[in-house]
Protein backbone atom coordinates (compact mmCIF):
# COMPACT_ATOMS: atom_id res chain seq x y z
CA MET A 1 -95.74 106.49 25.03
CA ALA A 2 -97.81 105.53 21.98
CA LEU A 3 -100.71 107.67 20.76
CA LYS A 4 -103.72 106.56 18.75
CA TYR A 5 -106.06 108.91 16.96
CA LEU A 6 -109.63 108.43 18.23
CA HIS A 7 -111.85 111.15 16.71
CA THR A 8 -112.42 114.85 16.20
CA MET A 9 -115.35 116.24 18.18
CA VAL A 10 -117.46 119.12 16.94
CA ARG A 11 -120.61 120.59 18.44
CA VAL A 12 -123.60 120.86 16.13
CA LYS A 13 -126.79 122.90 16.40
CA ASP A 14 -128.98 121.08 13.85
CA LEU A 15 -128.16 117.37 13.92
CA GLU A 16 -130.08 116.42 10.76
CA LYS A 17 -128.52 119.23 8.66
CA SER A 18 -125.06 118.43 9.96
CA MET A 19 -125.38 114.70 9.32
CA ALA A 20 -126.68 115.40 5.78
CA PHE A 21 -123.66 117.65 5.15
CA PHE A 22 -121.16 115.01 6.25
CA GLU A 23 -123.05 112.35 4.25
CA MET A 24 -122.58 114.53 1.12
CA LEU A 25 -118.83 114.35 1.81
CA GLY A 26 -119.10 110.54 1.88
CA LEU A 27 -119.17 109.85 5.63
CA LYS A 28 -121.53 107.30 7.15
CA GLU A 29 -122.78 106.90 10.71
CA THR A 30 -120.67 104.25 12.43
CA ARG A 31 -121.78 104.57 16.05
CA ARG A 32 -124.29 106.51 18.17
CA MET A 33 -124.71 107.12 21.86
CA ASP A 34 -127.75 108.88 23.31
CA SER A 35 -127.59 110.04 26.93
CA GLU A 36 -130.99 110.61 28.54
CA GLN A 37 -129.34 111.79 31.75
CA GLY A 38 -126.92 114.17 30.01
CA ARG A 39 -129.49 115.14 27.36
CA PHE A 40 -127.05 114.79 24.45
CA SER A 41 -126.27 112.54 21.51
CA LEU A 42 -122.90 111.55 20.12
CA ILE A 43 -122.93 110.46 16.49
CA PHE A 44 -119.71 109.11 15.01
CA MET A 45 -119.33 109.39 11.23
CA ALA A 46 -116.43 108.20 9.08
CA PRO A 47 -115.54 107.48 5.45
CA GLU A 48 -116.22 103.87 4.41
CA GLY A 49 -113.19 101.73 5.13
CA GLN A 50 -111.76 104.38 7.48
CA GLU A 51 -113.93 103.77 10.53
CA GLU A 52 -110.88 104.41 12.74
CA CYS A 53 -110.97 108.10 11.66
CA PRO A 54 -114.38 109.37 12.77
CA VAL A 55 -115.74 112.79 13.45
CA GLU A 56 -117.92 112.91 16.55
CA LEU A 57 -120.97 115.15 16.18
CA THR A 58 -122.05 116.27 19.66
CA TYR A 59 -125.67 117.38 19.78
CA ASN A 60 -127.16 118.91 22.94
CA TRP A 61 -130.89 118.14 23.05
CA ASP A 62 -131.71 121.43 24.78
CA GLY A 63 -129.80 123.45 22.18
CA ASP A 64 -126.66 125.52 22.34
CA ASP A 65 -127.31 129.24 21.88
CA LYS A 66 -123.63 129.90 21.17
CA LEU A 67 -123.73 127.90 17.92
CA PRO A 68 -122.85 128.53 15.21
CA ASP A 69 -119.91 130.58 16.38
CA ASP A 70 -116.27 130.29 15.29
CA SER A 71 -115.04 130.25 18.88
CA ARG A 72 -117.01 127.07 19.63
CA HIS A 73 -115.24 124.95 17.00
CA PHE A 74 -111.89 123.34 16.34
CA GLY A 75 -109.76 124.70 13.43
CA HIS A 76 -110.82 122.44 10.55
CA LEU A 77 -111.34 118.88 9.42
CA ALA A 78 -109.38 117.67 6.40
CA TYR A 79 -110.54 115.08 3.88
CA GLU A 80 -108.83 113.78 0.75
CA VAL A 81 -111.15 113.47 -2.28
CA ASP A 82 -110.81 111.66 -5.61
CA ASP A 83 -112.01 114.63 -7.69
CA ILE A 84 -111.99 117.99 -5.97
CA TYR A 85 -113.93 119.65 -8.79
CA ALA A 86 -116.72 117.07 -8.71
CA MET A 87 -116.95 117.26 -4.91
CA CYS A 88 -117.13 121.08 -4.95
CA GLN A 89 -119.77 120.96 -7.69
CA THR A 90 -121.88 118.49 -5.68
CA LEU A 91 -121.61 120.65 -2.58
CA GLN A 92 -122.39 123.86 -4.49
CA ASP A 93 -125.37 122.20 -6.23
CA ASN A 94 -126.70 121.41 -2.75
CA GLY A 95 -126.45 124.99 -1.51
CA VAL A 96 -123.02 124.85 0.14
CA THR A 97 -120.85 127.97 -0.30
CA ILE A 98 -117.35 127.21 -1.57
CA ASN A 99 -115.38 129.61 0.65
CA ARG A 100 -112.00 128.92 -0.93
CA PRO A 101 -112.50 127.47 -4.43
CA PRO A 102 -110.07 124.83 -5.76
CA ARG A 103 -108.36 127.30 -8.12
CA ASP A 104 -105.14 125.30 -7.90
CA GLY A 105 -106.79 121.92 -8.52
CA HIS A 106 -105.60 120.83 -5.11
CA MET A 107 -107.32 122.53 -2.16
CA ALA A 108 -110.72 123.98 -1.28
CA PHE A 109 -112.48 125.04 1.90
CA VAL A 110 -116.17 124.93 2.78
CA ARG A 111 -118.11 125.31 6.02
CA SER A 112 -120.66 122.96 7.52
CA PRO A 113 -124.10 124.21 8.63
CA ASP A 114 -122.54 124.71 12.09
CA ASN A 115 -119.72 126.90 10.71
CA ILE A 116 -117.04 124.18 10.94
CA SER A 117 -114.24 124.71 8.44
CA ILE A 118 -113.69 121.72 6.13
CA GLU A 119 -110.53 121.43 4.02
CA LEU A 120 -110.81 119.32 0.86
CA LEU A 121 -107.56 118.08 -0.68
CA GLN A 122 -107.18 116.42 -4.08
CA ALA A 123 -105.83 112.87 -3.87
CA GLY A 124 -102.59 112.41 -5.80
CA ASP A 125 -101.42 115.12 -8.18
CA ARG A 126 -103.14 118.46 -8.60
CA LEU A 127 -105.78 118.61 -11.29
CA ASP A 128 -105.31 121.06 -14.16
CA PRO A 129 -107.00 124.42 -13.48
CA GLN A 130 -110.64 124.37 -14.57
CA GLU A 131 -113.44 126.93 -14.80
CA PRO A 132 -115.47 128.12 -13.04
CA TRP A 133 -113.08 127.30 -10.18
CA ALA A 134 -109.89 128.84 -11.63
CA SER A 135 -111.29 132.39 -11.64
CA MET A 136 -113.69 132.12 -8.68
CA GLU A 137 -113.03 134.50 -5.79
CA ASN A 138 -112.97 133.54 -2.11
CA THR A 139 -116.24 133.97 -0.19
CA GLY A 140 -116.19 134.71 3.52
CA HIS A 141 -113.48 132.96 5.52
CA TRP A 142 -112.48 129.41 6.35
């Protein structure tokens, strides 16, 4: 039996903040479905040229008092980036906490506004260690 990856679904509390976060990572909205009857929206976002690998942001119009809460979310989403240091700097400059800095030039973790863990992996070989990342401590958890 063949399998085909469709998407990763995550619940979000603040749709605009969450979409802005994923846009900073380089994702674009590819599809949207609004359900008047169900009172929810599904927004699919994916990297350009990788529309077959979307994340589905599920937004309940009447809110979700349990968000953000670790138990409401899937483990993490992983994205490969061209320059992990530049991506982390962009995120940090925009108020995102780097929970696990890219000390090794290869891997970092951040969290979305809805507490979803995001793993960032350097494309290709590891980059040489670079400050301030090389000596930066972990913050929180991922």
